[in-house]
């Protein structure tokens, strides 16, 4: 079983930066990819960024050039560096872990609020 714990959310002014962390516990063997998702009030959850075990990354168009996903395998941690934040980035951000095409775990989420 894998447990994921996010941290790093908070309140920031538009144009500011935050770095989110997703720490993995438990049986993390053969996790093929991890991703960051977000859900704003009254909106569907959307994919923000993913990173594979080989380091390949993918981003939703709205964050390209502003957000960077990375991983530190020694620390069992995936990061989401968010720069040039906009009020529309306000949401609960959650990470997940995928093994063999199946989502095996979600974190509890961390709130990001961007004020205008």
Protein backbone atom coordinates (compact mmCIF):
# COMPACT_ATOMS: atom_id res chain seq x y z
CA UNK A 1 0.00 0.00 0.00
CA UNK A 2 1.19 3.51 -0.86
CA UNK A 3 0.37 6.62 1.12
CA UNK A 4 0.87 10.09 -0.29
CA UNK A 5 1.15 13.28 1.72
CA UNK A 6 1.08 16.72 0.10
CA UNK A 7 2.41 19.93 1.56
CA UNK A 8 3.36 23.42 0.49
CA UNK A 9 0.02 24.99 -0.26
CA UNK A 10 -0.99 28.39 1.00
CA UNK A 11 -2.10 31.90 0.15
CA UNK A 12 -0.06 33.89 -2.35
CA UNK A 13 -0.57 37.03 -4.40
CA UNK A 14 -0.94 36.87 -8.16
CA UNK A 15 2.47 36.64 -9.77
CA UNK A 16 3.92 34.80 -6.81
CA UNK A 17 5.31 31.29 -6.46
CA UNK A 18 4.72 28.18 -4.42
CA UNK A 19 6.33 24.75 -4.39
CA UNK A 20 4.18 21.76 -3.59
CA UNK A 21 5.63 18.47 -2.35
CA UNK A 22 4.18 14.97 -2.51
CA UNK A 23 5.93 12.51 -0.21
CA UNK A 24 5.39 8.77 -0.75
CA UNK A 25 5.29 6.16 1.99
CA UNK A 26 5.00 2.40 1.81
CA UNK A 27 5.42 0.06 -1.13
CA UNK A 28 6.54 2.50 -3.82
CA UNK A 29 8.18 -0.21 -5.91
CA UNK A 30 7.22 -0.08 -9.59
CA UNK A 31 5.27 3.15 -9.45
CA UNK A 32 5.30 4.08 -13.13
CA UNK A 33 4.17 7.68 -12.90
CA UNK A 34 2.94 10.33 -10.53
CA UNK A 35 0.72 13.27 -11.19
CA UNK A 36 -0.60 16.50 -9.80
CA UNK A 37 -4.29 17.30 -10.19
CA UNK A 38 -6.39 20.22 -9.03
CA UNK A 39 -10.02 20.87 -8.31
CA UNK A 40 -11.51 24.32 -7.97
CA UNK A 41 -14.88 24.91 -6.30
CA UNK A 42 -17.77 23.68 -8.46
CA UNK A 43 -15.38 22.47 -11.15
CA UNK A 44 -14.22 19.04 -12.20
CA UNK A 45 -10.81 17.78 -11.18
CA UNK A 46 -8.25 18.39 -13.88
CA UNK A 47 -4.81 17.05 -14.62
CA UNK A 48 -2.05 19.59 -14.05
CA UNK A 49 1.16 17.66 -14.68
CA UNK A 50 2.58 14.16 -14.69
CA UNK A 51 6.04 12.66 -14.49
CA UNK A 52 7.06 9.11 -15.33
CA UNK A 53 9.65 6.96 -13.61
CA UNK A 54 11.93 7.78 -16.52
CA UNK A 55 11.49 11.51 -16.03
CA UNK A 56 9.18 12.31 -18.93
CA UNK A 57 6.79 15.12 -18.13
CA UNK A 58 3.44 16.32 -19.37
CA UNK A 59 1.49 19.52 -18.60
CA UNK A 60 -1.95 20.90 -19.17
CA UNK A 61 -1.73 23.83 -21.59
CA UNK A 62 -2.81 26.41 -19.03
CA UNK A 63 0.29 25.87 -16.87
CA UNK A 64 2.96 25.29 -19.51
CA UNK A 65 5.88 27.64 -19.02
CA UNK A 66 4.78 28.45 -15.45
CA UNK A 67 4.73 25.12 -13.59
CA UNK A 68 7.46 22.49 -13.38
CA UNK A 69 7.05 18.95 -12.09
CA UNK A 70 10.11 17.10 -10.83
CA UNK A 71 11.02 14.16 -8.65
CA UNK A 72 13.69 13.31 -6.10
CA UNK A 73 13.81 9.52 -5.93
CA UNK A 74 16.16 9.53 -2.95
CA UNK A 75 13.53 11.45 -0.98
CA UNK A 76 10.50 9.63 -2.45
CA UNK A 77 9.13 13.06 -3.29
CA UNK A 78 7.55 14.68 -6.31
CA UNK A 79 7.45 18.47 -6.53
CA UNK A 80 5.34 20.98 -8.36
CA UNK A 81 7.04 24.34 -8.71
CA UNK A 82 4.41 26.94 -9.53
CA UNK A 83 5.51 30.37 -10.77
CA UNK A 84 3.60 33.37 -12.07
CA UNK A 85 0.50 32.19 -10.25
CA UNK A 86 -2.89 33.49 -11.32
CA UNK A 87 -6.19 33.68 -9.42
CA UNK A 88 -7.55 30.94 -11.71
CA UNK A 89 -4.90 28.59 -10.30
CA UNK A 90 -6.78 28.61 -7.00
CA UNK A 91 -7.77 25.03 -6.18
CA UNK A 92 -7.10 22.02 -4.00
CA UNK A 93 -4.04 20.29 -5.44
CA UNK A 94 -3.64 16.54 -5.03
CA UNK A 95 -1.04 14.05 -6.16
CA UNK A 96 -1.55 10.48 -7.24
CA UNK A 97 0.55 7.42 -7.99
CA UNK A 98 0.05 5.07 -10.93
CA UNK A 99 1.27 1.50 -11.25
CA UNK A 100 0.76 -0.45 -14.48
CA UNK A 101 -1.86 1.99 -15.66
CA UNK A 102 -3.88 1.88 -12.46
CA UNK A 103 -4.14 4.69 -9.93
CA UNK A 104 -3.10 3.12 -6.64
CA UNK A 105 -3.18 6.08 -4.30
CA UNK A 106 -4.28 9.69 -3.84
CA UNK A 107 -3.08 12.22 -1.34
CA UNK A 108 -5.42 14.26 0.84
CA UNK A 109 -4.79 17.49 -1.06
CA UNK A 110 -3.39 20.90 -0.23
CA UNK A 111 -5.15 24.22 -0.75
CA UNK A 112 -3.62 26.83 -3.03
CA UNK A 113 -5.24 30.27 -3.01
CA UNK A 114 -4.04 33.03 -5.31
CA UNK A 115 -5.32 36.53 -4.56
CA UNK A 116 -5.66 39.20 -7.22
